[in-house]
Amino acid sequence: MQDGSQIFVPDSFIALFQGRNQRLRQPLDEIAQRYELCEDLAQMLVEQAQILYHQSAPSESAILQTIYSGLQTPDAGISAEEARWVVLRLSELLEWKAPELLLPSPAEDGAA
């Protein structure tokens, strides 16, 4: 998968860029770049999520849902699928139970 790259891109991330026939919709190097961005984002959000948890004491799920909502804004610079992956990765890093994260329907996505 890596084609000379030192970056290991997990299957869960690659799946974001596969069509129904399992073919990639983007070149591997672009997927690797997107993965680096999303992994870095998840790593950066660990501390913020921990601070929110200790300061305002909402549930872990509420914090992850709030972060997910924030990542779905156009200014976030990532797709809805990538935002979902980031939050699921964040829950892994924090060792929190992953919430159910629904992707916006195509009608909602296009309305923005």
PDB file of N, CA and C in Angstrom:
ATOM      1  N   MET A   1       0.819  -1.196   0.000  1.00  0.00           N
ATOM      2  CA  MET A   1       0.000   0.000   0.000  1.00  0.00           C
ATOM      3  C   MET A   1       0.854   1.249   0.000  1.00  0.00           C
ATOM      4  N   GLN A   2       1.984   1.239   0.650  1.00  0.00           N
ATOM      5  CA  GLN A   2       2.696   2.464   0.919  1.00  0.00           C
ATOM      6  C   GLN A   2       3.484   3.039  -0.257  1.00  0.00           C
ATOM      7  N   ASP A   3       3.845   2.248  -1.246  1.00  0.00           N
ATOM      8  CA  ASP A   3       4.526   2.754  -2.442  1.00  0.00           C
ATOM      9  C   ASP A   3       5.702   3.668  -2.119  1.00  0.00           C
ATOM     10  N   GLY A   4       6.642   3.201  -1.322  1.00  0.00           N
ATOM     11  CA  GLY A   4       7.827   3.982  -1.012  1.00  0.00           C
ATOM     12  C   GLY A   4       7.658   4.953   0.137  1.00  0.00           C
ATOM     13  N   SER A   5       6.459   5.117   0.622  1.00  0.00           N
ATOM     14  CA  SER A   5       6.208   6.025   1.733  1.00  0.00           C
ATOM     15  C   SER A   5       6.483   5.318   3.049  1.00  0.00           C
ATOM     16  N   GLN A   6       6.934   6.061   4.022  1.00  0.00           N
ATOM     17  CA  GLN A   6       7.174   5.527   5.355  1.00  0.00           C
ATOM     18  C   GLN A   6       5.896   5.533   6.193  1.00  0.00           C
ATOM     19  N   ILE A   7       4.836   6.095   5.681  1.00  0.00           N
ATOM     20  CA  ILE A   7       3.583   6.254   6.419  1.00  0.00           C
ATOM     21  C   ILE A   7       2.719   5.013   6.254  1.00  0.00           C
ATOM     22  N   PHE A   8       2.256   4.493   7.397  1.00  0.00           N
ATOM     23  CA  PHE A   8       1.285   3.393   7.364  1.00  0.00           C
ATOM     24  C   PHE A   8      -0.102   4.007   7.464  1.00  0.00           C
ATOM     25  N   VAL A   9      -0.905   3.793   6.448  1.00  0.00           N
ATOM     26  CA  VAL A   9      -2.273   4.300   6.440  1.00  0.00           C
ATOM     27  C   VAL A   9      -3.194   3.128   6.776  1.00  0.00           C
ATOM     28  N   PRO A  10      -3.923   3.220   7.887  1.00  0.00           N
ATOM     29  CA  PRO A  10      -4.774   2.097   8.281  1.00  0.00           C
ATOM     30  C   PRO A  10      -5.928   1.870   7.304  1.00  0.00           C
ATOM     31  N   ASP A  11      -6.366   0.623   7.255  1.00  0.00           N
ATOM     32  CA  ASP A  11      -7.471   0.261   6.363  1.00  0.00           C
ATOM     33  C   ASP A  11      -8.731   1.083   6.634  1.00  0.00           C
ATOM     34  N   SER A  12      -8.954   1.424   7.905  1.00  0.00           N
ATOM     35  CA  SER A  12     -10.149   2.207   8.249  1.00  0.00           C
ATOM     36  C   SER A  12     -10.134   3.570   7.558  1.00  0.00           C
ATOM     37  N   PHE A  13      -8.947   4.121   7.345  1.00  0.00           N
ATOM     38  CA  PHE A  13      -8.853   5.406   6.659  1.00  0.00           C
ATOM     39  C   PHE A  13      -8.925   5.209   5.146  1.00  0.00           C
ATOM     40  N   ILE A  14      -8.265   4.210   4.645  1.00  0.00           N
ATOM     41  CA  ILE A  14      -8.301   3.924   3.205  1.00  0.00           C
ATOM     42  C   ILE A  14      -9.735   3.710   2.743  1.00  0.00           C
ATOM     43  N   ALA A  15     -10.537   3.076   3.582  1.00  0.00           N
ATOM     44  CA  ALA A  15     -11.933   2.795   3.231  1.00  0.00           C
ATOM     45  C   ALA A  15     -12.722   4.067   2.922  1.00  0.00           C
ATOM     46  N   LEU A  16     -12.296   5.192   3.473  1.00  0.00           N
ATOM     47  CA  LEU A  16     -12.982   6.460   3.201  1.00  0.00           C
ATOM     48  C   LEU A  16     -12.864   6.866   1.739  1.00  0.00           C
ATOM     49  N   PHE A  17     -11.860   6.345   1.068  1.00  0.00           N
ATOM     50  CA  PHE A  17     -11.554   6.752  -0.302  1.00  0.00           C
ATOM     51  C   PHE A  17     -11.806   5.639  -1.317  1.00  0.00           C
ATOM     52  N   GLN A  18     -12.526   4.608  -0.902  1.00  0.00           N
ATOM     53  CA  GLN A  18     -12.841   3.512  -1.812  1.00  0.00           C
ATOM     54  C   GLN A  18     -14.281   3.620  -2.275  1.00  0.00           C
ATOM     55  N   GLY A  19     -14.469   3.302  -3.539  1.00  0.00           N
ATOM     56  CA  GLY A  19     -15.818   3.247  -4.083  1.00  0.00           C
ATOM     57  C   GLY A  19     -16.450   1.908  -3.750  1.00  0.00           C
ATOM     58  N   ARG A  20     -17.630   1.703  -4.228  1.00  0.00           N
ATOM     59  CA  ARG A  20     -18.343   0.445  -3.970  1.00  0.00           C
ATOM     60  C   ARG A  20     -17.580  -0.770  -4.486  1.00  0.00           C
ATOM     61  N   ASN A  21     -16.803  -0.579  -5.528  1.00  0.00           N
ATOM     62  CA  ASN A  21     -16.037  -1.686  -6.112  1.00  0.00           C
ATOM     63  C   ASN A  21     -14.667  -1.848  -5.455  1.00  0.00           C
ATOM     64  N   GLN A  22     -14.433  -1.161  -4.339  1.00  0.00           N
ATOM     65  CA  GLN A  22     -13.182  -1.202  -3.570  1.00  0.00           C
ATOM     66  C   GLN A  22     -12.015  -0.503  -4.260  1.00  0.00           C
ATOM     67  N   ARG A  23     -12.259   0.166  -5.367  1.00  0.00           N
ATOM     68  CA  ARG A  23     -11.196   0.919  -6.038  1.00  0.00           C
ATOM     69  C   ARG A  23     -11.029   2.271  -5.376  1.00  0.00           C
ATOM     70  N   LEU A  24      -9.783   2.713  -5.302  1.00  0.00           N
ATOM     71  CA  LEU A  24      -9.488   4.009  -4.706  1.00  0.00           C
ATOM     72  C   LEU A  24      -9.937   5.139  -5.630  1.00  0.00           C
ATOM     73  N   ARG A  25     -10.522   6.170  -5.052  1.00  0.00           N
ATOM     74  CA  ARG A  25     -10.982   7.325  -5.823  1.00  0.00           C
ATOM     75  C   ARG A  25      -9.929   8.412  -5.906  1.00  0.00           C
ATOM     76  N   GLN A  26      -8.835   8.272  -5.144  1.00  0.00           N
ATOM     77  CA  GLN A  26      -7.742   9.246  -5.164  1.00  0.00           C
ATOM     78  C   GLN A  26      -6.422   8.495  -5.162  1.00  0.00           C
ATOM     79  N   PRO A  27      -5.357   9.128  -5.620  1.00  0.00           N
ATOM     80  CA  PRO A  27      -4.038   8.487  -5.596  1.00  0.00           C
ATOM     81  C   PRO A  27      -3.575   8.227  -4.156  1.00  0.00           C
ATOM     82  N   LEU A  28      -2.758   7.201  -3.994  1.00  0.00           N
ATOM     83  CA  LEU A  28      -2.275   6.805  -2.673  1.00  0.00           C
ATOM     84  C   LEU A  28      -1.538   7.922  -1.946  1.00  0.00           C
ATOM     85  N   ASP A  29      -0.749   8.690  -2.675  1.00  0.00           N
ATOM     86  CA  ASP A  29      -0.007   9.754  -1.993  1.00  0.00           C
ATOM     87  C   ASP A  29      -0.935  10.829  -1.428  1.00  0.00           C
ATOM     88  N   GLU A  30      -2.035  11.113  -2.125  1.00  0.00           N
ATOM     89  CA  GLU A  30      -3.013  12.075  -1.615  1.00  0.00           C
ATOM     90  C   GLU A  30      -3.724  11.517  -0.381  1.00  0.00           C
ATOM     91  N   ILE A  31      -4.040  10.233  -0.406  1.00  0.00           N
ATOM     92  CA  ILE A  31      -4.683   9.595   0.743  1.00  0.00           C
ATOM     93  C   ILE A  31      -3.739   9.627   1.942  1.00  0.00           C
ATOM     94  N   ALA A  32      -2.470   9.366   1.709  1.00  0.00           N
ATOM     95  CA  ALA A  32      -1.476   9.402   2.797  1.00  0.00           C
ATOM     96  C   ALA A  32      -1.383  10.810   3.395  1.00  0.00           C
ATOM     97  N   GLN A  33      -1.437  11.834   2.551  1.00  0.00           N
ATOM     98  CA  GLN A  33      -1.400  13.214   3.046  1.00  0.00           C
ATOM     99  C   GLN A  33      -2.636  13.532   3.883  1.00  0.00           C
ATOM    100  N   ARG A  34      -3.799  13.100   3.410  1.00  0.00           N
ATOM    101  CA  ARG A  34      -5.040  13.324   4.163  1.00  0.00           C
ATOM    102  C   ARG A  34      -4.995  12.577   5.498  1.00  0.00           C
ATOM    103  N   TYR A  35      -4.431  11.364   5.466  1.00  0.00           N
ATOM    104  CA  TYR A  35      -4.308  10.584   6.695  1.00  0.00           C
ATOM    105  C   TYR A  35      -3.425  11.319   7.707  1.00  0.00           C
ATOM    106  N   GLU A  36      -2.289  11.825   7.255  1.00  0.00           N
ATOM    107  CA  GLU A  36      -1.389  12.561   8.157  1.00  0.00           C
ATOM    108  C   GLU A  36      -2.114  13.743   8.801  1.00  0.00           C
ATOM    109  N   LEU A  37      -2.868  14.483   8.003  1.00  0.00           N
ATOM    110  CA  LEU A  37      -3.627  15.616   8.506  1.00  0.00           C
ATOM    111  C   LEU A  37      -4.634  15.159   9.567  1.00  0.00           C
ATOM    112  N   CYS A  38      -5.386  14.117   9.262  1.00  0.00           N
ATOM    113  CA  CYS A  38      -6.425  13.651  10.179  1.00  0.00           C
ATOM    114  C   CYS A  38      -5.836  13.035  11.446  1.00  0.00           C
ATOM    115  N   GLU A  39      -4.757  12.289  11.315  1.00  0.00           N
ATOM    116  CA  GLU A  39      -4.104  11.702  12.492  1.00  0.00           C
ATOM    117  C   GLU A  39      -3.541  12.814  13.380  1.00  0.00           C
ATOM    118  N   ASP A  40      -2.898  13.801  12.781  1.00  0.00           N
ATOM    119  CA  ASP A  40      -2.373  14.930  13.553  1.00  0.00           C
ATOM    120  C   ASP A  40      -3.501  15.671  14.269  1.00  0.00           C
ATOM    121  N   LEU A  41      -4.610  15.840  13.582  1.00  0.00           N
ATOM    122  CA  LEU A  41      -5.758  16.520  14.173  1.00  0.00           C
ATOM    123  C   LEU A  41      -6.287  15.740  15.376  1.00  0.00           C
ATOM    124  N   ALA A  42      -6.420  14.434  15.236  1.00  0.00           N
ATOM    125  CA  ALA A  42      -6.883  13.598  16.352  1.00  0.00           C
ATOM    126  C   ALA A  42      -5.921  13.702  17.532  1.00  0.00           C
ATOM    127  N   GLN A  43      -4.628  13.657  17.251  1.00  0.00           N
ATOM    128  CA  GLN A  43      -3.624  13.759  18.318  1.00  0.00           C
ATOM    129  C   GLN A  43      -3.707  15.115  19.019  1.00  0.00           C
ATOM    130  N   MET A  44      -3.908  16.178  18.246  1.00  0.00           N
ATOM    131  CA  MET A  44      -3.999  17.525  18.823  1.00  0.00           C
ATOM    132  C   MET A  44      -5.245  17.690  19.687  1.00  0.00           C
ATOM    133  N   LEU A  45      -6.310  16.999  19.340  1.00  0.00           N
ATOM    134  CA  LEU A  45      -7.569  17.144  20.058  1.00  0.00           C
ATOM    135  C   LEU A  45      -7.603  16.385  21.384  1.00  0.00           C
ATOM    136  N   VAL A  46      -6.649  15.498  21.613  1.00  0.00           N
ATOM    137  CA  VAL A  46      -6.618  14.729  22.863  1.00  0.00           C
ATOM    138  C   VAL A  46      -6.600  15.659  24.071  1.00  0.00           C
ATOM    139  N   GLU A  47      -5.665  16.582  24.084  1.00  0.00           N
ATOM    140  CA  GLU A  47      -5.535  17.475  25.233  1.00  0.00           C
ATOM    141  C   GLU A  47      -6.782  18.343  25.403  1.00  0.00           C
ATOM    142  N   GLN A  48      -7.314  18.848  24.306  1.00  0.00           N
ATOM    143  CA  GLN A  48      -8.507  19.688  24.397  1.00  0.00           C
ATOM    144  C   GLN A  48      -9.686  18.898  24.962  1.00  0.00           C
ATOM    145  N   ALA A  49      -9.859  17.668  24.524  1.00  0.00           N
ATOM    146  CA  ALA A  49     -10.956  16.839  25.025  1.00  0.00           C
ATOM    147  C   ALA A  49     -10.782  16.549  26.516  1.00  0.00           C
ATOM    148  N   GLN A  50      -9.551  16.287  26.933  1.00  0.00           N
ATOM    149  CA  GLN A  50      -9.294  16.033  28.350  1.00  0.00           C
ATOM    150  C   GLN A  50      -9.582  17.277  29.201  1.00  0.00           C
ATOM    151  N   ILE A  51      -9.195  18.435  28.700  1.00  0.00           N
ATOM    152  CA  ILE A  51      -9.466  19.686  29.411  1.00  0.00           C
ATOM    153  C   ILE A  51     -10.971  19.898  29.543  1.00  0.00           C
ATOM    154  N   LEU A  52     -11.698  19.707  28.454  1.00  0.00           N
ATOM    155  CA  LEU A  52     -13.161  19.856  28.497  1.00  0.00           C
ATOM    156  C   LEU A  52     -13.777  18.892  29.501  1.00  0.00           C
ATOM    157  N   TYR A  53     -13.275  17.690  29.524  1.00  0.00           N
ATOM    158  CA  TYR A  53     -13.814  16.684  30.441  1.00  0.00           C
ATOM    159  C   TYR A  53     -13.584  17.087  31.894  1.00  0.00           C
ATOM    160  N   HIS A  54     -12.410  17.594  32.207  1.00  0.00           N
ATOM    161  CA  HIS A  54     -12.092  17.935  33.591  1.00  0.00           C
ATOM    162  C   HIS A  54     -12.656  19.293  34.024  1.00  0.00           C
ATOM    163  N   GLN A  55     -12.853  20.207  33.076  1.00  0.00           N
ATOM    164  CA  GLN A  55     -13.361  21.534  33.436  1.00  0.00           C
ATOM    165  C   GLN A  55     -14.880  21.559  33.531  1.00  0.00           C
ATOM    166  N   SER A  56     -15.537  21.058  32.522  1.00  0.00           N
ATOM    167  CA  SER A  56     -16.991  21.175  32.501  1.00  0.00           C
ATOM    168  C   SER A  56     -17.698  19.872  32.833  1.00  0.00           C
ATOM    169  N   ALA A  57     -16.959  18.789  32.904  1.00  0.00           N
ATOM    170  CA  ALA A  57     -17.458  17.475  33.308  1.00  0.00           C
ATOM    171  C   ALA A  57     -18.702  16.979  32.570  1.00  0.00           C
ATOM    172  N   PRO A  58     -18.851  17.273  31.274  1.00  0.00           N
ATOM    173  CA  PRO A  58     -19.937  16.611  30.543  1.00  0.00           C
ATOM    174  C   PRO A  58     -19.511  15.168  30.290  1.00  0.00           C
ATOM    175  N   SER A  59     -20.360  14.429  29.682  1.00  0.00           N
ATOM    176  CA  SER A  59     -20.003  13.036  29.402  1.00  0.00           C
ATOM    177  C   SER A  59     -18.961  12.971  28.291  1.00  0.00           C
ATOM    178  N   GLU A  60     -18.241  11.882  28.259  1.00  0.00           N
ATOM    179  CA  GLU A  60     -17.254  11.666  27.197  1.00  0.00           C
ATOM    180  C   GLU A  60     -17.944  11.722  25.835  1.00  0.00           C
ATOM    181  N   SER A  61     -19.102  11.087  25.750  1.00  0.00           N
ATOM    182  CA  SER A  61     -19.846  11.073  24.493  1.00  0.00           C
ATOM    183  C   SER A  61     -20.236  12.478  24.053  1.00  0.00           C
ATOM    184  N   ALA A  62     -20.669  13.315  25.004  1.00  0.00           N
ATOM    185  CA  ALA A  62     -21.064  14.691  24.662  1.00  0.00           C
ATOM    186  C   ALA A  62     -19.874  15.478  24.143  1.00  0.00           C
ATOM    187  N   ILE A  63     -18.717  15.280  24.732  1.00  0.00           N
ATOM    188  CA  ILE A  63     -17.511  15.978  24.272  1.00  0.00           C
ATOM    189  C   ILE A  63     -17.168  15.549  22.854  1.00  0.00           C
ATOM    190  N   LEU A  64     -17.194  14.248  22.606  1.00  0.00           N
ATOM    191  CA  LEU A  64     -16.867  13.740  21.268  1.00  0.00           C
ATOM    192  C   LEU A  64     -17.891  14.209  20.242  1.00  0.00           C
ATOM    193  N   GLN A  65     -19.162  14.243  20.610  1.00  0.00           N
ATOM    194  CA  GLN A  65     -20.207  14.725  19.696  1.00  0.00           C
ATOM    195  C   GLN A  65     -20.003  16.208  19.376  1.00  0.00           C
ATOM    196  N   THR A  66     -19.623  16.988  20.380  1.00  0.00           N
ATOM    197  CA  THR A  66     -19.377  18.416  20.170  1.00  0.00           C
ATOM    198  C   THR A  66     -18.199  18.634  19.223  1.00  0.00           C
ATOM    199  N   ILE A  67     -17.142  17.881  19.437  1.00  0.00           N
ATOM    200  CA  ILE A  67     -15.972  17.980  18.552  1.00  0.00           C
ATOM    201  C   ILE A  67     -16.356  17.562  17.136  1.00  0.00           C
ATOM    202  N   TYR A  68     -17.137  16.508  17.019  1.00  0.00           N
ATOM    203  CA  TYR A  68     -17.597  16.028  15.706  1.00  0.00           C
ATOM    204  C   TYR A  68     -18.389  17.125  14.991  1.00  0.00           C
ATOM    205  N   SER A  69     -19.278  17.771  15.715  1.00  0.00           N
ATOM    206  CA  SER A  69     -20.064  18.860  15.110  1.00  0.00           C
ATOM    207  C   SER A  69     -19.152  19.976  14.613  1.00  0.00           C
ATOM    208  N   GLY A  70     -18.160  20.317  15.415  1.00  0.00           N
ATOM    209  CA  GLY A  70     -17.223  21.362  15.018  1.00  0.00           C
ATOM    210  C   GLY A  70     -16.403  20.996  13.799  1.00  0.00           C
ATOM    211  N   LEU A  71     -16.059  19.734  13.677  1.00  0.00           N
ATOM    212  CA  LEU A  71     -15.248  19.295  12.544  1.00  0.00           C
ATOM    213  C   LEU A  71     -16.048  19.211  11.247  1.00  0.00           C
ATOM    214  N   GLN A  72     -17.364  19.261  11.336  1.00  0.00           N
ATOM    215  CA  GLN A  72     -18.193  19.176  10.135  1.00  0.00           C
ATOM    216  C   GLN A  72     -18.452  20.534   9.491  1.00  0.00           C
ATOM    217  N   THR A  73     -17.911  21.595  10.073  1.00  0.00           N
ATOM    218  CA  THR A  73     -18.095  22.910   9.477  1.00  0.00           C
ATOM    219  C   THR A  73     -17.183  23.041   8.252  1.00  0.00           C
ATOM    220  N   PRO A  74     -17.579  23.845   7.285  1.00  0.00           N
ATOM    221  CA  PRO A  74     -16.739  24.011   6.093  1.00  0.00           C
ATOM    222  C   PRO A  74     -15.329  24.523   6.403  1.00  0.00           C
ATOM    223  N   ASP A  75     -15.189  25.319   7.450  1.00  0.00           N
ATOM    224  CA  ASP A  75     -13.880  25.867   7.817  1.00  0.00           C
ATOM    225  C   ASP A  75     -12.913  24.825   8.369  1.00  0.00           C
ATOM    226  N   ALA A  76     -13.411  23.647   8.740  1.00  0.00           N
ATOM    227  CA  ALA A  76     -12.550  22.619   9.334  1.00  0.00           C
ATOM    228  C   ALA A  76     -11.548  22.065   8.316  1.00  0.00           C
ATOM    229  N   GLY A  77     -11.879  22.122   7.054  1.00  0.00           N
ATOM    230  CA  GLY A  77     -10.953  21.678   6.016  1.00  0.00           C
ATOM    231  C   GLY A  77     -10.889  20.174   5.800  1.00  0.00           C
ATOM    232  N   ILE A  78     -11.843  19.453   6.379  1.00  0.00           N
ATOM    233  CA  ILE A  78     -11.899  17.999   6.175  1.00  0.00           C
ATOM    234  C   ILE A  78     -13.321  17.609   5.798  1.00  0.00           C
ATOM    235  N   SER A  79     -13.452  16.463   5.165  1.00  0.00           N
ATOM    236  CA  SER A  79     -14.774  15.977   4.762  1.00  0.00           C
ATOM    237  C   SER A  79     -15.530  15.437   5.968  1.00  0.00           C
ATOM    238  N   ALA A  80     -16.819  15.212   5.797  1.00  0.00           N
ATOM    239  CA  ALA A  80     -17.640  14.640   6.867  1.00  0.00           C
ATOM    240  C   ALA A  80     -17.122  13.254   7.254  1.00  0.00           C
ATOM    241  N   GLU A  81     -16.708  12.469   6.256  1.00  0.00           N
ATOM    242  CA  GLU A  81     -16.181  11.129   6.525  1.00  0.00           C
ATOM    243  C   GLU A  81     -14.881  11.202   7.306  1.00  0.00           C
ATOM    244  N   GLU A  82     -14.030  12.163   6.937  1.00  0.00           N
ATOM    245  CA  GLU A  82     -12.773  12.348   7.660  1.00  0.00           C
ATOM    246  C   GLU A  82     -13.038  12.829   9.084  1.00  0.00           C
ATOM    247  N   ALA A  83     -14.017  13.718   9.265  1.00  0.00           N
ATOM    248  CA  ALA A  83     -14.373  14.200  10.603  1.00  0.00           C
ATOM    249  C   ALA A  83     -14.804  13.032  11.480  1.00  0.00           C
ATOM    250  N   ARG A  84     -15.604  12.149  10.924  1.00  0.00           N
ATOM    251  CA  ARG A  84     -16.047  10.965  11.675  1.00  0.00           C
ATOM    252  C   ARG A  84     -14.845  10.109  12.055  1.00  0.00           C
ATOM    253  N   TRP A  85     -13.939   9.893  11.116  1.00  0.00           N
ATOM    254  CA  TRP A  85     -12.749   9.087  11.388  1.00  0.00           C
ATOM    255  C   TRP A  85     -11.907   9.733  12.486  1.00  0.00           C
ATOM    256  N   VAL A  86     -11.725  11.041  12.425  1.00  0.00           N
ATOM    257  CA  VAL A  86     -10.924  11.766  13.427  1.00  0.00           C
ATOM    258  C   VAL A  86     -11.512  11.549  14.817  1.00  0.00           C
ATOM    259  N   VAL A  87     -12.820  11.678  14.953  1.00  0.00           N
ATOM    260  CA  VAL A  87     -13.446  11.541  16.270  1.00  0.00           C
ATOM    261  C   VAL A  87     -13.375  10.095  16.756  1.00  0.00           C
ATOM    262  N   LEU A  88     -13.532   9.142  15.861  1.00  0.00           N
ATOM    263  CA  LEU A  88     -13.392   7.740  16.274  1.00  0.00           C
ATOM    264  C   LEU A  88     -11.947   7.451  16.694  1.00  0.00           C
ATOM    265  N   ARG A  89     -11.002   8.022  15.987  1.00  0.00           N
ATOM    266  CA  ARG A  89      -9.586   7.873  16.367  1.00  0.00           C
ATOM    267  C   ARG A  89      -9.326   8.565  17.698  1.00  0.00           C
ATOM    268  N   LEU A  90      -9.899   9.728  17.899  1.00  0.00           N
ATOM    269  CA  LEU A  90      -9.767  10.451  19.158  1.00  0.00           C
ATOM    270  C   LEU A  90     -10.304   9.606  20.313  1.00  0.00           C
ATOM    271  N   SER A  91     -11.444   8.983  20.115  1.00  0.00           N
ATOM    272  CA  SER A  91     -11.998   8.143  21.184  1.00  0.00           C
ATOM    273  C   SER A  91     -11.057   6.981  21.499  1.00  0.00           C
ATOM    274  N   GLU A  92     -10.403   6.444  20.474  1.00  0.00           N
ATOM    275  CA  GLU A  92      -9.391   5.391  20.681  1.00  0.00           C
ATOM    276  C   GLU A  92      -8.225   5.907  21.515  1.00  0.00           C
ATOM    277  N   LEU A  93      -7.719   7.062  21.134  1.00  0.00           N
ATOM    278  CA  LEU A  93      -6.568   7.636  21.832  1.00  0.00           C
ATOM    279  C   LEU A  93      -6.880   7.938  23.300  1.00  0.00           C
ATOM    280  N   LEU A  94      -8.106   8.367  23.556  1.00  0.00           N
ATOM    281  CA  LEU A  94      -8.518   8.703  24.915  1.00  0.00           C
ATOM    282  C   LEU A  94      -8.967   7.473  25.711  1.00  0.00           C
ATOM    283  N   GLU A  95      -9.157   6.377  24.989  1.00  0.00           N
ATOM    284  CA  GLU A  95      -9.708   5.143  25.572  1.00  0.00           C
ATOM    285  C   GLU A  95     -11.116   5.386  26.118  1.00  0.00           C
ATOM    286  N   TRP A  96     -11.891   6.153  25.339  1.00  0.00           N
ATOM    287  CA  TRP A  96     -13.290   6.422  25.636  1.00  0.00           C
ATOM    288  C   TRP A  96     -14.143   5.597  24.686  1.00  0.00           C
ATOM    289  N   LYS A  97     -15.339   5.280  25.113  1.00  0.00           N
ATOM    290  CA  LYS A  97     -16.268   4.552  24.249  1.00  0.00           C
ATOM    291  C   LYS A  97     -16.646   5.447  23.069  1.00  0.00           C
ATOM    292  N   ALA A  98     -16.562   4.895  21.885  1.00  0.00           N
ATOM    293  CA  ALA A  98     -16.886   5.665  20.679  1.00  0.00           C
ATOM    294  C   ALA A  98     -18.391   5.880  20.592  1.00  0.00           C
ATOM    295  N   PRO A  99     -18.809   7.115  20.391  1.00  0.00           N
ATOM    296  CA  PRO A  99     -20.247   7.378  20.228  1.00  0.00           C
ATOM    297  C   PRO A  99     -20.692   6.998  18.819  1.00  0.00           C
ATOM    298  N   GLU A 100     -21.989   6.902  18.654  1.00  0.00           N
ATOM    299  CA  GLU A 100     -22.528   6.682  17.304  1.00  0.00           C
ATOM    300  C   GLU A 100     -22.487   8.028  16.594  1.00  0.00           C
ATOM    301  N   LEU A 101     -21.780   8.074  15.486  1.00  0.00           N
ATOM    302  CA  LEU A 101     -21.618   9.315  14.732  1.00  0.00           C
ATOM    303  C   LEU A 101     -22.241   9.139  13.364  1.00  0.00           C
ATOM    304  N   LEU A 102     -23.304   9.828  13.131  1.00  0.00           N
ATOM    305  CA  LEU A 102     -23.996   9.714  11.857  1.00  0.00           C
ATOM    306  C   LEU A 102     -23.446  10.726  10.868  1.00  0.00           C
ATOM    307  N   LEU A 103     -23.226  10.263   9.664  1.00  0.00           N
ATOM    308  CA  LEU A 103     -22.806  11.171   8.594  1.00  0.00           C
ATOM    309  C   LEU A 103     -24.026  11.929   8.105  1.00  0.00           C
ATOM    310  N   PRO A 104     -23.851  13.192   7.701  1.00  0.00           N
ATOM    311  CA  PRO A 104     -24.994  13.923   7.156  1.00  0.00           C
ATOM    312  C   PRO A 104     -25.472  13.251   5.882  1.00  0.00           C
ATOM    313  N   SER A 105     -26.780  13.307   5.665  1.00  0.00           N
ATOM    314  CA  SER A 105     -27.315  12.729   4.432  1.00  0.00           C
ATOM    315  C   SER A 105     -26.848  13.604   3.260  1.00  0.00           C
ATOM    316  N   PRO A 106     -26.823  13.035   2.044  1.00  0.00           N
ATOM    317  CA  PRO A 106     -26.390  13.828   0.883  1.00  0.00           C
ATOM    318  C   PRO A 106     -27.202  15.108   0.710  1.00  0.00           C
ATOM    319  N   ALA A 107     -28.479  15.090   1.047  1.00  0.00           N
ATOM    320  CA  ALA A 107     -29.313  16.295   0.920  1.00  0.00           C
ATOM    321  C   ALA A 107     -28.846  17.364   1.901  1.00  0.00           C
ATOM    322  N   GLU A 108     -28.534  16.956   3.150  1.00  0.00           N
ATOM    323  CA  GLU A 108     -28.056  17.913   4.144  1.00  0.00           C
ATOM    324  C   GLU A 108     -26.674  18.427   3.748  1.00  0.00           C
ATOM    325  N   ASP A 109     -25.822  17.533   3.259  1.00  0.00           N
ATOM    326  CA  ASP A 109     -24.451  17.890   2.902  1.00  0.00           C
ATOM    327  C   ASP A 109     -24.441  18.924   1.778  1.00  0.00           C
ATOM    328  N   GLY A 110     -25.318  18.758   0.812  1.00  0.00           N
ATOM    329  CA  GLY A 110     -25.353  19.672  -0.321  1.00  0.00           C
ATOM    330  C   GLY A 110     -25.985  21.001   0.021  1.00  0.00           C
ATOM    331  N   ALA A 111     -26.775  21.056   1.086  1.00  0.00           N
ATOM    332  CA  ALA A 111     -27.476  22.272   1.452  1.00  0.00           C
ATOM    333  C   ALA A 111     -26.553  23.291   2.097  1.00  0.00           C
ATOM    334  N   ALA A 112     -25.416  22.865   2.566  1.00  0.00           N
ATOM    335  CA  ALA A 112     -24.508  23.773   3.301  1.00  0.00           C
ATOM    336  C   ALA A 112     -23.832  24.773   2.445  1.00  0.00           C
TER     337      ALA A 112
END
